[in-house]
Amino acid sequence: MVLLWDYDKKKLKKTKSGRRLILERMINYGPGKGKKIKLKEVKKNWDTLQLYPNARKLMSLLIWGKYKSSPQDKKKSFLL
């Protein structure tokens, strides 16, 4: 179950921004029992998704096999 307590899911599916909101919530809060997140949709919307920082790092690592860091992160040495 995608956490959409404040929106009507049927109305959201009709618009591009609504589908993106559903995708963001699936990534941030989990897709729900028996649901899957489509890789194609994540890649297509990657630059516009508003994700939690740790979720973005993990998804970046899983999708592209590397973490795209910002210049200031390169100075820090840490494990994901």
C-alpha atoms as a PDB file:
ATOM      1  CA  MET A   1       0.000   0.000   0.000  1.00  0.00           C
ATOM      2  CA  VAL A   2       1.470   3.327  -1.031  1.00  0.00           C
ATOM      3  CA  LEU A   3       0.955   5.929   1.665  1.00  0.00           C
ATOM      4  CA  LEU A   4      -1.535   8.296   0.033  1.00  0.00           C
ATOM      5  CA  TRP A   5      -3.649   9.228   3.005  1.00  0.00           C
ATOM      6  CA  ASP A   6      -3.955  12.813   1.836  1.00  0.00           C
ATOM      7  CA  TYR A   7      -4.648  12.268  -1.893  1.00  0.00           C
ATOM      8  CA  ASP A   8      -7.074  10.354  -4.083  1.00  0.00           C
ATOM      9  CA  LYS A   9      -4.922   7.763  -5.868  1.00  0.00           C
ATOM     10  CA  LYS A  10      -7.305   7.470  -8.834  1.00  0.00           C
ATOM     11  CA  LYS A  11      -7.039  11.194  -9.555  1.00  0.00           C
ATOM     12  CA  LEU A  12      -3.245  11.162  -9.146  1.00  0.00           C
ATOM     13  CA  LYS A  13      -2.794   8.422 -11.746  1.00  0.00           C
ATOM     14  CA  LYS A  14      -4.354  10.681 -14.397  1.00  0.00           C
ATOM     15  CA  THR A  15      -1.569  13.308 -14.355  1.00  0.00           C
ATOM     16  CA  LYS A  16       2.183  13.130 -14.883  1.00  0.00           C
ATOM     17  CA  SER A  17       2.915  14.990 -11.642  1.00  0.00           C
ATOM     18  CA  GLY A  18       0.538  12.682  -9.776  1.00  0.00           C
ATOM     19  CA  ARG A  19       2.267   9.561 -11.081  1.00  0.00           C
ATOM     20  CA  ARG A  20       5.599  11.084 -10.050  1.00  0.00           C
ATOM     21  CA  LEU A  21       4.247  11.726  -6.533  1.00  0.00           C
ATOM     22  CA  ILE A  22       3.117   8.104  -6.275  1.00  0.00           C
ATOM     23  CA  LEU A  23       6.581   6.953  -7.425  1.00  0.00           C
ATOM     24  CA  GLU A  24       8.318   9.223  -4.873  1.00  0.00           C
ATOM     25  CA  ARG A  25       6.225   7.836  -2.063  1.00  0.00           C
ATOM     26  CA  MET A  26       6.821   4.266  -3.179  1.00  0.00           C
ATOM     27  CA  ILE A  27      10.581   4.860  -3.002  1.00  0.00           C
ATOM     28  CA  ASN A  28      10.578   6.869   0.236  1.00  0.00           C
ATOM     29  CA  TYR A  29       8.089   4.764   2.204  1.00  0.00           C
ATOM     30  CA  GLY A  30       8.221   1.404   0.438  1.00  0.00           C
ATOM     31  CA  PRO A  31       6.071   0.071  -2.368  1.00  0.00           C
ATOM     32  CA  GLY A  32       3.734  -1.955  -0.192  1.00  0.00           C
ATOM     33  CA  LYS A  33       2.956  -5.625   0.011  1.00  0.00           C
ATOM     34  CA  GLY A  34       3.227  -7.369  -3.343  1.00  0.00           C
ATOM     35  CA  LYS A  35       4.004  -4.157  -5.283  1.00  0.00           C
ATOM     36  CA  LYS A  36       7.132  -3.425  -7.305  1.00  0.00           C
ATOM     37  CA  ILE A  37       8.782  -0.188  -8.362  1.00  0.00           C
ATOM     38  CA  LYS A  38       9.357  -0.029 -12.115  1.00  0.00           C
ATOM     39  CA  LEU A  39      13.000   0.666 -12.944  1.00  0.00           C
ATOM     40  CA  LYS A  40      12.031   2.307 -16.224  1.00  0.00           C
ATOM     41  CA  GLU A  41       9.873   4.867 -14.389  1.00  0.00           C
ATOM     42  CA  VAL A  42      12.593   5.620 -11.846  1.00  0.00           C
ATOM     43  CA  LYS A  43      15.199   6.228 -14.564  1.00  0.00           C
ATOM     44  CA  LYS A  44      12.795   8.367 -16.602  1.00  0.00           C
ATOM     45  CA  ASN A  45      11.928  10.604 -13.634  1.00  0.00           C
ATOM     46  CA  TRP A  46      15.263  10.477 -11.771  1.00  0.00           C
ATOM     47  CA  ASP A  47      16.153  14.169 -12.118  1.00  0.00           C
ATOM     48  CA  THR A  48      12.758  15.368 -10.883  1.00  0.00           C
ATOM     49  CA  LEU A  49      12.192  12.937  -7.997  1.00  0.00           C
ATOM     50  CA  GLN A  50      12.275  14.433  -4.519  1.00  0.00           C
ATOM     51  CA  LEU A  51      13.706  11.616  -2.435  1.00  0.00           C
ATOM     52  CA  TYR A  52      15.177  11.338   1.012  1.00  0.00           C
ATOM     53  CA  PRO A  53      18.982  11.693   0.734  1.00  0.00           C
ATOM     54  CA  ASN A  54      19.707   8.139   1.861  1.00  0.00           C
ATOM     55  CA  ALA A  55      17.070   6.706  -0.478  1.00  0.00           C
ATOM     56  CA  ARG A  56      18.604   8.668  -3.372  1.00  0.00           C
ATOM     57  CA  LYS A  57      22.091   7.359  -2.539  1.00  0.00           C
ATOM     58  CA  LEU A  58      20.877   3.761  -2.331  1.00  0.00           C
ATOM     59  CA  MET A  59      18.823   3.941  -5.520  1.00  0.00           C
ATOM     60  CA  SER A  60      21.743   5.557  -7.357  1.00  0.00           C
ATOM     61  CA  LEU A  61      24.027   2.761  -6.213  1.00  0.00           C
ATOM     62  CA  LEU A  62      21.541   0.043  -7.166  1.00  0.00           C
ATOM     63  CA  ILE A  63      20.617   1.498 -10.562  1.00  0.00           C
ATOM     64  CA  TRP A  64      23.949   2.706 -11.899  1.00  0.00           C
ATOM     65  CA  GLY A  65      26.366   0.775  -9.686  1.00  0.00           C
ATOM     66  CA  LYS A  66      27.914   3.952  -8.339  1.00  0.00           C
ATOM     67  CA  TYR A  67      27.030   6.856  -6.132  1.00  0.00           C
ATOM     68  CA  LYS A  68      27.002  10.220  -7.875  1.00  0.00           C
ATOM     69  CA  SER A  69      28.509  12.474  -5.244  1.00  0.00           C
ATOM     70  CA  SER A  70      28.744  16.226  -5.112  1.00  0.00           C
ATOM     71  CA  PRO A  71      32.197  17.903  -5.033  1.00  0.00           C
ATOM     72  CA  GLN A  72      32.032  18.526  -1.292  1.00  0.00           C
ATOM     73  CA  ASP A  73      31.277  14.829  -0.601  1.00  0.00           C
ATOM     74  CA  LYS A  74      34.470  13.742  -2.366  1.00  0.00           C
ATOM     75  CA  LYS A  75      36.539  15.162   0.491  1.00  0.00           C
ATOM     76  CA  LYS A  76      34.733  13.026   3.054  1.00  0.00           C
ATOM     77  CA  SER A  77      35.569   9.392   3.511  1.00  0.00           C
ATOM     78  CA  PHE A  78      32.564   7.328   4.565  1.00  0.00           C
ATOM     79  CA  LEU A  79      30.847   4.044   3.831  1.00  0.00           C
ATOM     80  CA  LEU A  80      27.349   3.786   2.398  1.00  0.00           C
END
